[in-house]
Amino acid sequence: MPGKPTSPLSQSELYEALKKRQGWAYDHLYAELSHSFRYWVERNSGSGMDAEDAFHKGLLNFFLNLETGKYEFRENAKITTVVFDYCKKVWLNELASSRLKKRSVMPDAYDPANDVDLQKDLERGETIAQVRVALNQLKDDCRRLIELFYLDELSLREIAGKLGMKESSTKQKRYDCTEKLKQLVLKQAPRN
């Protein structure tokens, strides 16, 4: 696997490296943005922990959109600026949510092993990774239909129009494809 280029990095090189899931490209984004984003969040009613959470959620949103083709490279846009905007939107949504309005004080003794929310987040992250792998194993027509329905949140009627199918056929195909996806995910699940 090729390493990070030694010469100055172009935006197209960074984009291609991210699409190929090259670790150095992810490290580059983190190094370029984490401190400035933390500073921005702390200046906008947040803590360092809030910044870290929003940063990782924003990165995840960007990577999911990169994977699914919702984000397309534009020569005139810096990828770091685009990723910062993804992260910024996450924080602004958090600020607007009622979750932050109902903050409680963390107890003196904190045991992450007993933190149900942390465990759920970790399990959710594992599930997302499993679904991503399974989604890539589906045939193109199934993958496209699932992305249109679950990621793009289009109605069955809209999907039928995009795919040139009858709405009733689209409904059955969505069910069949979802079942295939579930089976692929279950095959990956660790056995207890």
N, C-alpha and C. Protein backbone atom coordinates (compact mmCIF):
# COMPACT_ATOMS: atom_id res chain seq x y z
N MET A 1 0.84 -1.17 0.00
CA MET A 1 0.00 0.00 0.00
C MET A 1 0.89 1.24 0.00
N PRO A 2 0.67 2.17 -0.93
CA PRO A 2 1.52 3.34 -1.00
C PRO A 2 1.34 4.23 0.22
N GLY A 3 2.43 4.92 0.58
CA GLY A 3 2.41 5.81 1.73
C GLY A 3 2.05 7.22 1.32
N LYS A 4 2.09 8.09 2.31
CA LYS A 4 1.77 9.50 2.07
C LYS A 4 2.81 10.11 1.13
N PRO A 5 2.36 10.89 0.15
CA PRO A 5 3.30 11.54 -0.76
C PRO A 5 4.23 12.49 0.01
N THR A 6 5.47 12.57 -0.43
CA THR A 6 6.43 13.44 0.24
C THR A 6 6.30 14.88 -0.23
N SER A 7 5.81 15.09 -1.44
CA SER A 7 5.61 16.45 -1.95
C SER A 7 4.29 17.00 -1.40
N PRO A 8 4.06 18.31 -1.55
CA PRO A 8 2.79 18.88 -1.08
C PRO A 8 1.60 18.11 -1.66
N LEU A 9 0.62 17.90 -0.82
CA LEU A 9 -0.54 17.07 -1.15
C LEU A 9 -1.59 17.88 -1.90
N SER A 10 -2.02 17.37 -3.06
CA SER A 10 -3.09 18.04 -3.79
C SER A 10 -4.43 17.51 -3.27
N GLN A 11 -5.48 18.28 -3.50
CA GLN A 11 -6.81 17.87 -3.05
C GLN A 11 -7.27 16.59 -3.74
N SER A 12 -6.93 16.44 -5.02
CA SER A 12 -7.34 15.23 -5.73
C SER A 12 -6.60 14.01 -5.20
N GLU A 13 -5.33 14.17 -4.80
CA GLU A 13 -4.58 13.05 -4.21
C GLU A 13 -5.19 12.65 -2.87
N LEU A 14 -5.56 13.63 -2.08
CA LEU A 14 -6.18 13.35 -0.79
C LEU A 14 -7.52 12.64 -1.00
N TYR A 15 -8.32 13.12 -1.93
CA TYR A 15 -9.62 12.51 -2.23
C TYR A 15 -9.44 11.05 -2.66
N GLU A 16 -8.53 10.80 -3.58
CA GLU A 16 -8.30 9.43 -4.04
C GLU A 16 -7.81 8.53 -2.91
N ALA A 17 -6.94 9.05 -2.05
CA ALA A 17 -6.43 8.26 -0.92
C ALA A 17 -7.56 7.93 0.05
N LEU A 18 -8.46 8.89 0.29
CA LEU A 18 -9.59 8.64 1.17
C LEU A 18 -10.53 7.59 0.58
N LYS A 19 -10.76 7.70 -0.73
CA LYS A 19 -11.62 6.70 -1.39
C LYS A 19 -11.02 5.30 -1.31
N LYS A 20 -9.69 5.23 -1.33
CA LYS A 20 -9.00 3.93 -1.26
C LYS A 20 -8.76 3.50 0.19
N ARG A 21 -9.27 4.30 1.12
CA ARG A 21 -9.18 4.00 2.55
C ARG A 21 -7.74 3.89 3.04
N GLN A 22 -6.90 4.76 2.56
CA GLN A 22 -5.50 4.75 2.99
C GLN A 22 -5.39 5.46 4.33
N GLY A 23 -4.81 4.78 5.31
CA GLY A 23 -4.73 5.28 6.67
C GLY A 23 -4.10 6.64 6.81
N TRP A 24 -3.05 6.90 6.05
CA TRP A 24 -2.37 8.19 6.17
C TRP A 24 -3.30 9.35 5.82
N ALA A 25 -4.26 9.10 4.91
CA ALA A 25 -5.18 10.17 4.51
C ALA A 25 -6.12 10.54 5.66
N TYR A 26 -6.58 9.52 6.39
CA TYR A 26 -7.42 9.78 7.56
C TYR A 26 -6.61 10.52 8.62
N ASP A 27 -5.38 10.07 8.83
CA ASP A 27 -4.49 10.73 9.80
C ASP A 27 -4.27 12.20 9.42
N HIS A 28 -4.12 12.45 8.13
CA HIS A 28 -3.91 13.81 7.64
C HIS A 28 -5.11 14.70 8.01
N LEU A 29 -6.32 14.19 7.75
CA LEU A 29 -7.51 14.98 8.09
C LEU A 29 -7.57 15.26 9.58
N TYR A 30 -7.29 14.24 10.38
CA TYR A 30 -7.34 14.40 11.83
C TYR A 30 -6.33 15.45 12.28
N ALA A 31 -5.10 15.33 11.78
CA ALA A 31 -4.05 16.27 12.18
C ALA A 31 -4.38 17.70 11.75
N GLU A 32 -4.97 17.85 10.58
CA GLU A 32 -5.27 19.17 10.05
C GLU A 32 -6.44 19.85 10.76
N LEU A 33 -7.40 19.04 11.25
CA LEU A 33 -8.65 19.64 11.70
C LEU A 33 -8.96 19.54 13.19
N SER A 34 -8.44 18.55 13.88
CA SER A 34 -8.91 18.30 15.24
C SER A 34 -8.70 19.49 16.17
N HIS A 35 -7.55 20.13 16.13
CA HIS A 35 -7.29 21.25 17.04
C HIS A 35 -8.14 22.48 16.71
N SER A 36 -8.22 22.79 15.43
CA SER A 36 -9.00 23.98 15.06
C SER A 36 -10.48 23.76 15.32
N PHE A 37 -10.97 22.52 15.13
CA PHE A 37 -12.39 22.25 15.40
C PHE A 37 -12.66 22.32 16.90
N ARG A 38 -11.74 21.78 17.69
CA ARG A 38 -11.90 21.84 19.15
C ARG A 38 -11.98 23.31 19.60
N TYR A 39 -11.09 24.11 19.08
CA TYR A 39 -11.08 25.54 19.41
C TYR A 39 -12.43 26.16 19.04
N TRP A 40 -12.96 25.85 17.86
CA TRP A 40 -14.23 26.41 17.40
C TRP A 40 -15.38 25.99 18.32
N VAL A 41 -15.42 24.70 18.69
CA VAL A 41 -16.50 24.22 19.56
C VAL A 41 -16.42 24.88 20.94
N GLU A 42 -15.19 24.98 21.47
CA GLU A 42 -15.04 25.60 22.78
C GLU A 42 -15.45 27.07 22.76
N ARG A 43 -15.35 27.72 21.63
CA ARG A 43 -15.79 29.11 21.49
C ARG A 43 -17.29 29.20 21.21
N ASN A 44 -17.91 28.04 20.98
CA ASN A 44 -19.34 27.99 20.67
C ASN A 44 -20.08 27.07 21.64
N SER A 45 -19.91 27.35 22.92
CA SER A 45 -20.67 26.71 24.00
C SER A 45 -20.38 25.24 24.24
N GLY A 46 -19.22 24.75 23.85
CA GLY A 46 -18.92 23.34 24.05
C GLY A 46 -17.65 23.10 24.83
N SER A 47 -17.45 21.85 25.17
CA SER A 47 -16.26 21.43 25.89
C SER A 47 -15.34 20.66 24.94
N GLY A 48 -14.18 20.30 25.43
CA GLY A 48 -13.27 19.49 24.62
C GLY A 48 -13.88 18.15 24.27
N MET A 49 -14.62 17.56 25.22
CA MET A 49 -15.27 16.27 24.97
C MET A 49 -16.37 16.42 23.92
N ASP A 50 -17.12 17.52 24.00
CA ASP A 50 -18.15 17.80 22.99
C ASP A 50 -17.51 17.90 21.61
N ALA A 51 -16.37 18.58 21.56
CA ALA A 51 -15.66 18.77 20.29
C ALA A 51 -15.23 17.42 19.73
N GLU A 52 -14.69 16.58 20.58
CA GLU A 52 -14.23 15.25 20.13
C GLU A 52 -15.40 14.44 19.58
N ASP A 53 -16.52 14.43 20.31
CA ASP A 53 -17.70 13.69 19.85
C ASP A 53 -18.21 14.21 18.51
N ALA A 54 -18.38 15.52 18.42
CA ALA A 54 -18.89 16.11 17.18
C ALA A 54 -17.92 15.90 16.02
N PHE A 55 -16.63 15.98 16.32
CA PHE A 55 -15.62 15.79 15.28
C PHE A 55 -15.70 14.38 14.70
N HIS A 56 -15.80 13.39 15.59
CA HIS A 56 -15.85 12.01 15.10
C HIS A 56 -17.15 11.71 14.36
N LYS A 57 -18.26 12.27 14.84
CA LYS A 57 -19.53 12.08 14.14
C LYS A 57 -19.49 12.74 12.76
N GLY A 58 -18.92 13.93 12.71
CA GLY A 58 -18.81 14.63 11.42
C GLY A 58 -17.92 13.87 10.45
N LEU A 59 -16.79 13.35 10.94
CA LEU A 59 -15.91 12.53 10.09
C LEU A 59 -16.65 11.31 9.58
N LEU A 60 -17.40 10.65 10.48
CA LEU A 60 -18.15 9.46 10.08
C LEU A 60 -19.16 9.82 9.00
N ASN A 61 -19.88 10.93 9.17
CA ASN A 61 -20.85 11.36 8.15
C ASN A 61 -20.15 11.60 6.81
N PHE A 62 -19.00 12.27 6.86
CA PHE A 62 -18.25 12.53 5.63
C PHE A 62 -17.84 11.22 4.96
N PHE A 63 -17.27 10.29 5.76
CA PHE A 63 -16.81 9.02 5.19
C PHE A 63 -17.96 8.20 4.63
N LEU A 64 -19.11 8.22 5.30
CA LEU A 64 -20.28 7.50 4.77
C LEU A 64 -20.73 8.11 3.45
N ASN A 65 -20.73 9.43 3.37
CA ASN A 65 -21.12 10.08 2.11
C ASN A 65 -20.08 9.85 1.03
N LEU A 66 -18.82 9.77 1.40
CA LEU A 66 -17.76 9.45 0.45
C LEU A 66 -17.95 8.03 -0.09
N GLU A 67 -18.23 7.09 0.83
CA GLU A 67 -18.42 5.68 0.46
C GLU A 67 -19.62 5.48 -0.46
N THR A 68 -20.71 6.19 -0.16
CA THR A 68 -21.95 5.98 -0.90
C THR A 68 -22.04 6.85 -2.15
N GLY A 69 -21.05 7.73 -2.35
CA GLY A 69 -21.06 8.58 -3.55
C GLY A 69 -21.86 9.86 -3.38
N LYS A 70 -22.39 10.12 -2.16
CA LYS A 70 -23.13 11.37 -1.94
C LYS A 70 -22.18 12.57 -1.95
N TYR A 71 -20.93 12.34 -1.56
CA TYR A 71 -19.93 13.40 -1.66
C TYR A 71 -19.10 13.14 -2.90
N GLU A 72 -19.04 14.13 -3.75
CA GLU A 72 -18.22 14.03 -4.96
C GLU A 72 -17.18 15.15 -4.93
N PHE A 73 -15.99 14.80 -5.33
CA PHE A 73 -14.87 15.74 -5.31
C PHE A 73 -15.11 16.91 -6.25
N ARG A 74 -14.80 18.11 -5.75
CA ARG A 74 -14.85 19.32 -6.57
C ARG A 74 -13.48 19.99 -6.46
N GLU A 75 -12.89 20.29 -7.57
CA GLU A 75 -11.53 20.84 -7.62
C GLU A 75 -11.38 22.12 -6.81
N ASN A 76 -12.44 22.95 -6.77
CA ASN A 76 -12.33 24.25 -6.12
C ASN A 76 -12.66 24.22 -4.62
N ALA A 77 -12.95 23.04 -4.05
CA ALA A 77 -13.29 22.94 -2.63
C ALA A 77 -12.22 22.14 -1.90
N LYS A 78 -11.69 22.74 -0.82
CA LYS A 78 -10.71 22.02 0.00
C LYS A 78 -11.43 20.96 0.81
N ILE A 79 -10.92 19.76 0.80
CA ILE A 79 -11.55 18.66 1.53
C ILE A 79 -11.58 18.96 3.02
N THR A 80 -10.53 19.58 3.54
CA THR A 80 -10.52 19.90 4.97
C THR A 80 -11.64 20.89 5.31
N THR A 81 -11.94 21.80 4.42
CA THR A 81 -13.03 22.75 4.65
C THR A 81 -14.37 22.02 4.63
N VAL A 82 -14.52 21.09 3.70
CA VAL A 82 -15.75 20.31 3.60
C VAL A 82 -15.95 19.48 4.88
N VAL A 83 -14.91 18.81 5.34
CA VAL A 83 -15.00 17.98 6.54
C VAL A 83 -15.29 18.85 7.76
N PHE A 84 -14.64 20.01 7.86
CA PHE A 84 -14.91 20.93 8.97
C PHE A 84 -16.39 21.30 8.98
N ASP A 85 -16.96 21.55 7.80
CA ASP A 85 -18.39 21.89 7.72
C ASP A 85 -19.27 20.74 8.17
N TYR A 86 -18.91 19.49 7.81
CA TYR A 86 -19.67 18.32 8.28
C TYR A 86 -19.66 18.31 9.82
N CYS A 87 -18.49 18.50 10.41
CA CYS A 87 -18.34 18.47 11.86
C CYS A 87 -19.10 19.63 12.50
N LYS A 88 -19.02 20.78 11.88
CA LYS A 88 -19.69 21.98 12.38
C LYS A 88 -21.21 21.76 12.41
N LYS A 89 -21.75 21.14 11.37
CA LYS A 89 -23.19 20.87 11.32
C LYS A 89 -23.60 19.94 12.46
N VAL A 90 -22.76 18.95 12.74
CA VAL A 90 -23.06 18.04 13.85
C VAL A 90 -23.16 18.83 15.15
N TRP A 91 -22.18 19.71 15.41
CA TRP A 91 -22.19 20.47 16.66
C TRP A 91 -23.38 21.42 16.72
N LEU A 92 -23.69 22.08 15.62
CA LEU A 92 -24.83 22.99 15.62
C LEU A 92 -26.13 22.24 15.87
N ASN A 93 -26.25 21.02 15.32
CA ASN A 93 -27.43 20.20 15.60
C ASN A 93 -27.48 19.80 17.07
N GLU A 94 -26.32 19.48 17.64
CA GLU A 94 -26.26 19.14 19.07
C GLU A 94 -26.70 20.33 19.91
N LEU A 95 -26.24 21.51 19.56
CA LEU A 95 -26.62 22.71 20.31
C LEU A 95 -28.14 22.94 20.25
N ALA A 96 -28.71 22.66 19.11
CA ALA A 96 -30.14 22.88 18.94
C ALA A 96 -30.99 21.79 19.60
N SER A 97 -30.39 20.65 19.86
CA SER A 97 -31.16 19.53 20.42
C SER A 97 -31.44 19.75 21.90
N SER A 98 -32.44 19.09 22.37
CA SER A 98 -32.80 19.22 23.78
C SER A 98 -31.85 18.43 24.67
N ARG A 99 -31.05 17.56 24.09
CA ARG A 99 -30.13 16.74 24.88
C ARG A 99 -29.19 17.61 25.70
N LEU A 100 -28.68 18.67 25.09
CA LEU A 100 -27.76 19.54 25.81
C LEU A 100 -28.47 20.42 26.84
N LYS A 101 -29.72 20.64 26.65
CA LYS A 101 -30.47 21.46 27.59
C LYS A 101 -30.74 20.72 28.89
N LYS A 102 -30.62 19.40 28.87
CA LYS A 102 -30.92 18.57 30.03
C LYS A 102 -29.67 17.89 30.57
N ARG A 103 -28.55 18.57 30.53
CA ARG A 103 -27.30 17.99 31.01
C ARG A 103 -27.35 17.74 32.50
N SER A 104 -26.79 16.64 32.91
CA SER A 104 -26.68 16.35 34.33
C SER A 104 -25.21 16.27 34.69
N VAL A 105 -24.92 16.41 35.97
CA VAL A 105 -23.55 16.36 36.44
C VAL A 105 -23.08 14.92 36.46
N MET A 106 -21.85 14.69 35.99
CA MET A 106 -21.30 13.34 36.00
C MET A 106 -20.94 12.96 37.43
N PRO A 107 -21.26 11.74 37.84
CA PRO A 107 -20.93 11.33 39.20
C PRO A 107 -19.43 11.30 39.42
N ASP A 108 -19.01 11.38 40.73
CA ASP A 108 -17.59 11.36 41.07
C ASP A 108 -16.92 10.07 40.62
N ALA A 109 -17.60 8.95 40.81
CA ALA A 109 -17.04 7.66 40.40
C ALA A 109 -17.65 7.26 39.08
N TYR A 110 -16.82 7.09 38.09
CA TYR A 110 -17.31 6.73 36.76
C TYR A 110 -16.61 5.47 36.30
N ASP A 111 -17.41 4.47 35.95
CA ASP A 111 -16.87 3.21 35.47
C ASP A 111 -17.37 2.98 34.05
N PRO A 112 -16.50 3.18 33.03
CA PRO A 112 -16.95 3.03 31.64
C PRO A 112 -17.50 1.64 31.34
N ALA A 113 -17.05 0.63 32.09
CA ALA A 113 -17.53 -0.73 31.84
C ALA A 113 -19.02 -0.85 32.15
N ASN A 114 -19.53 0.01 33.04
CA ASN A 114 -20.95 -0.03 33.39
C ASN A 114 -21.76 1.05 32.69
N ASP A 115 -21.16 1.77 31.79
CA ASP A 115 -21.83 2.85 31.06
C ASP A 115 -22.62 2.25 29.90
N VAL A 116 -23.93 2.19 30.06
CA VAL A 116 -24.80 1.58 29.06
C VAL A 116 -24.74 2.34 27.75
N ASP A 117 -24.72 3.70 27.82
CA ASP A 117 -24.67 4.50 26.60
C ASP A 117 -23.37 4.26 25.83
N LEU A 118 -22.25 4.18 26.54
CA LEU A 118 -20.97 3.92 25.91
C LEU A 118 -20.99 2.55 25.23
N GLN A 119 -21.52 1.57 25.93
CA GLN A 119 -21.60 0.22 25.35
C GLN A 119 -22.49 0.22 24.11
N LYS A 120 -23.59 0.94 24.18
CA LYS A 120 -24.49 1.02 23.02
C LYS A 120 -23.79 1.68 21.85
N ASP A 121 -23.03 2.77 22.12
CA ASP A 121 -22.30 3.46 21.06
C ASP A 121 -21.27 2.54 20.42
N LEU A 122 -20.55 1.79 21.24
CA LEU A 122 -19.55 0.86 20.71
C LEU A 122 -20.22 -0.23 19.87
N GLU A 123 -21.32 -0.77 20.37
CA GLU A 123 -22.05 -1.80 19.62
C GLU A 123 -22.58 -1.23 18.32
N ARG A 124 -23.08 0.01 18.38
CA ARG A 124 -23.61 0.66 17.17
C ARG A 124 -22.49 0.83 16.13
N GLY A 125 -21.31 1.23 16.59
CA GLY A 125 -20.17 1.39 15.68
C GLY A 125 -19.79 0.07 15.03
N GLU A 126 -19.81 -1.01 15.81
CA GLU A 126 -19.52 -2.33 15.26
C GLU A 126 -20.58 -2.74 14.24
N THR A 127 -21.83 -2.45 14.57
CA THR A 127 -22.93 -2.79 13.66
C THR A 127 -22.81 -2.01 12.35
N ILE A 128 -22.49 -0.73 12.43
CA ILE A 128 -22.32 0.08 11.22
C ILE A 128 -21.23 -0.50 10.34
N ALA A 129 -20.12 -0.91 10.96
CA ALA A 129 -19.02 -1.50 10.19
C ALA A 129 -19.47 -2.80 9.53
N GLN A 130 -20.23 -3.62 10.25
CA GLN A 130 -20.72 -4.88 9.68
C GLN A 130 -21.68 -4.62 8.54
N VAL A 131 -22.56 -3.64 8.71
CA VAL A 131 -23.53 -3.32 7.65
C VAL A 131 -22.80 -2.80 6.42
N ARG A 132 -21.78 -1.98 6.61
CA ARG A 132 -21.02 -1.44 5.48
C ARG A 132 -20.37 -2.57 4.68
N VAL A 133 -19.77 -3.53 5.38
CA VAL A 133 -19.13 -4.68 4.71
C VAL A 133 -20.19 -5.48 3.96
N ALA A 134 -21.32 -5.74 4.63
CA ALA A 134 -22.40 -6.52 4.00
C ALA A 134 -22.98 -5.78 2.80
N LEU A 135 -23.15 -4.49 2.91
CA LEU A 135 -23.71 -3.69 1.82
C LEU A 135 -22.82 -3.80 0.58
N ASN A 136 -21.50 -3.80 0.78
CA ASN A 136 -20.58 -3.93 -0.35
C ASN A 136 -20.61 -5.31 -0.98
N GLN A 137 -21.18 -6.30 -0.28
CA GLN A 137 -21.28 -7.66 -0.82
C GLN A 137 -22.55 -7.87 -1.64
N LEU A 138 -23.49 -6.94 -1.52
CA LEU A 138 -24.74 -7.06 -2.29
C LEU A 138 -24.51 -6.74 -3.76
N LYS A 139 -25.39 -7.26 -4.60
CA LYS A 139 -25.35 -6.90 -6.01
C LYS A 139 -25.70 -5.42 -6.14
N ASP A 140 -25.24 -4.80 -7.23
CA ASP A 140 -25.40 -3.37 -7.42
C ASP A 140 -26.85 -2.90 -7.31
N ASP A 141 -27.79 -3.66 -7.91
CA ASP A 141 -29.19 -3.22 -7.90
C ASP A 141 -29.75 -3.20 -6.48
N CYS A 142 -29.40 -4.20 -5.67
CA CYS A 142 -29.86 -4.24 -4.27
C CYS A 142 -29.20 -3.13 -3.47
N ARG A 143 -27.90 -2.97 -3.64
CA ARG A 143 -27.19 -1.94 -2.88
C ARG A 143 -27.78 -0.56 -3.21
N ARG A 144 -28.02 -0.31 -4.48
CA ARG A 144 -28.56 0.99 -4.91
C ARG A 144 -29.95 1.22 -4.30
N LEU A 145 -30.81 0.21 -4.32
CA LEU A 145 -32.15 0.34 -3.78
C LEU A 145 -32.10 0.62 -2.28
N ILE A 146 -31.26 -0.10 -1.55
CA ILE A 146 -31.15 0.10 -0.10
C ILE A 146 -30.61 1.49 0.21
N GLU A 147 -29.61 1.94 -0.54
CA GLU A 147 -29.07 3.28 -0.32
C GLU A 147 -30.12 4.36 -0.58
N LEU A 148 -30.90 4.19 -1.66
CA LEU A 148 -31.93 5.17 -1.97
C LEU A 148 -33.00 5.22 -0.88
N PHE A 149 -33.36 4.05 -0.33
CA PHE A 149 -34.41 4.01 0.66
C PHE A 149 -33.93 4.44 2.05
N TYR A 150 -32.83 3.85 2.52
CA TYR A 150 -32.40 4.08 3.89
C TYR A 150 -31.46 5.28 4.06
N LEU A 151 -30.59 5.54 3.09
CA LEU A 151 -29.66 6.66 3.23
C LEU A 151 -30.23 7.95 2.65
N ASP A 152 -30.78 7.85 1.43
CA ASP A 152 -31.34 9.05 0.80
C ASP A 152 -32.77 9.33 1.25
N GLU A 153 -33.38 8.33 1.92
CA GLU A 153 -34.73 8.43 2.48
C GLU A 153 -35.77 8.79 1.42
N LEU A 154 -35.64 8.17 0.24
CA LEU A 154 -36.63 8.37 -0.81
C LEU A 154 -37.81 7.43 -0.58
N SER A 155 -38.98 7.81 -1.06
CA SER A 155 -40.16 6.95 -0.95
C SER A 155 -40.04 5.83 -1.99
N LEU A 156 -40.85 4.79 -1.79
CA LEU A 156 -40.84 3.68 -2.75
C LEU A 156 -41.27 4.16 -4.14
N ARG A 157 -42.17 5.12 -4.18
CA ARG A 157 -42.62 5.68 -5.46
C ARG A 157 -41.45 6.38 -6.17
N GLU A 158 -40.69 7.18 -5.42
CA GLU A 158 -39.54 7.88 -6.00
C GLU A 158 -38.47 6.90 -6.47
N ILE A 159 -38.25 5.86 -5.68
CA ILE A 159 -37.26 4.85 -6.05
C ILE A 159 -37.69 4.13 -7.31
N ALA A 160 -38.97 3.79 -7.37
CA ALA A 160 -39.49 3.10 -8.55
C ALA A 160 -39.24 3.95 -9.80
N GLY A 161 -39.48 5.24 -9.69
CA GLY A 161 -39.23 6.14 -10.82
C GLY A 161 -37.76 6.18 -11.21
N LYS A 162 -36.88 6.22 -10.22
CA LYS A 162 -35.44 6.27 -10.50
C LYS A 162 -34.93 4.98 -11.12
N LEU A 163 -35.50 3.85 -10.67
CA LEU A 163 -35.01 2.55 -11.14
C LEU A 163 -35.83 1.97 -12.28
N GLY A 164 -36.88 2.68 -12.69
CA GLY A 164 -37.71 2.21 -13.80
C GLY A 164 -38.50 0.96 -13.45
N MET A 165 -39.02 0.90 -12.24
CA MET A 165 -39.78 -0.27 -11.78
C MET A 165 -41.18 0.17 -11.35
N LYS A 166 -42.07 -0.83 -11.17
CA LYS A 166 -43.38 -0.55 -10.58
C LYS A 166 -43.20 -0.39 -9.08
N GLU A 167 -44.05 0.42 -8.48
CA GLU A 167 -43.93 0.66 -7.04
C GLU A 167 -44.08 -0.64 -6.25
N SER A 168 -45.02 -1.50 -6.66
CA SER A 168 -45.22 -2.77 -5.94
C SER A 168 -44.00 -3.67 -6.07
N SER A 169 -43.36 -3.66 -7.23
CA SER A 169 -42.13 -4.45 -7.43
C SER A 169 -41.00 -3.90 -6.57
N THR A 170 -40.95 -2.58 -6.46
CA THR A 170 -39.92 -1.94 -5.65
C THR A 170 -40.07 -2.33 -4.19
N LYS A 171 -41.30 -2.38 -3.71
CA LYS A 171 -41.56 -2.75 -2.32
C LYS A 171 -41.06 -4.17 -2.06
N GLN A 172 -41.39 -5.12 -2.96
CA GLN A 172 -40.95 -6.50 -2.79
C GLN A 172 -39.44 -6.62 -2.91
N LYS A 173 -38.86 -5.90 -3.87
CA LYS A 173 -37.40 -5.93 -4.06
C LYS A 173 -36.70 -5.36 -2.83
N ARG A 174 -37.23 -4.27 -2.25
CA ARG A 174 -36.64 -3.70 -1.04
C ARG A 174 -36.66 -4.73 0.09
N TYR A 175 -37.78 -5.43 0.23
CA TYR A 175 -37.88 -6.45 1.27
C TYR A 175 -36.84 -7.55 1.03
N ASP A 176 -36.76 -8.05 -0.21
CA ASP A 176 -35.81 -9.12 -0.54
C ASP A 176 -34.36 -8.67 -0.30
N CYS A 177 -34.04 -7.47 -0.73
CA CYS A 177 -32.67 -6.96 -0.57
C CYS A 177 -32.33 -6.74 0.90
N THR A 178 -33.31 -6.25 1.66
CA THR A 178 -33.09 -6.05 3.09
C THR A 178 -32.84 -7.38 3.78
N GLU A 179 -33.59 -8.39 3.39
CA GLU A 179 -33.39 -9.73 3.98
C GLU A 179 -32.00 -10.27 3.63
N LYS A 180 -31.56 -10.07 2.39
CA LYS A 180 -30.21 -10.50 2.00
C LYS A 180 -29.16 -9.77 2.83
N LEU A 181 -29.37 -8.47 3.02
CA LEU A 181 -28.43 -7.68 3.81
C LEU A 181 -28.39 -8.19 5.25
N LYS A 182 -29.56 -8.48 5.82
CA LYS A 182 -29.61 -9.00 7.19
C LYS A 182 -28.83 -10.31 7.30
N GLN A 183 -29.02 -11.19 6.31
CA GLN A 183 -28.32 -12.48 6.34
C GLN A 183 -26.81 -12.28 6.27
N LEU A 184 -26.36 -11.36 5.43
CA LEU A 184 -24.92 -11.08 5.33
C LEU A 184 -24.37 -10.50 6.63
N VAL A 185 -25.14 -9.63 7.27
CA VAL A 185 -24.71 -9.05 8.54
C VAL A 185 -24.65 -10.13 9.62
N LEU A 186 -25.65 -11.00 9.65
CA LEU A 186 -25.68 -12.07 10.65
C LEU A 186 -24.53 -13.04 10.48
N LYS A 187 -24.09 -13.27 9.24
CA LYS A 187 -22.95 -14.15 8.99
C LYS A 187 -21.68 -13.56 9.60
N GLN A 188 -21.58 -12.23 9.64
CA GLN A 188 -20.40 -11.56 10.17
C GLN A 188 -20.42 -11.46 11.69
N ALA A 189 -21.61 -11.52 12.29
CA ALA A 189 -21.73 -11.30 13.73
C ALA A 189 -20.92 -12.32 14.50
N PRO A 190 -20.19 -11.88 15.52
CA PRO A 190 -19.39 -12.82 16.31
C PRO A 190 -20.31 -13.79 17.06
N ARG A 191 -19.90 -15.02 17.10
CA ARG A 191 -20.66 -16.06 17.80
C ARG A 191 -20.31 -16.04 19.28
N ASN A 192 -21.32 -16.07 20.13
CA ASN A 192 -21.07 -16.10 21.58
C ASN A 192 -21.20 -17.49 22.12
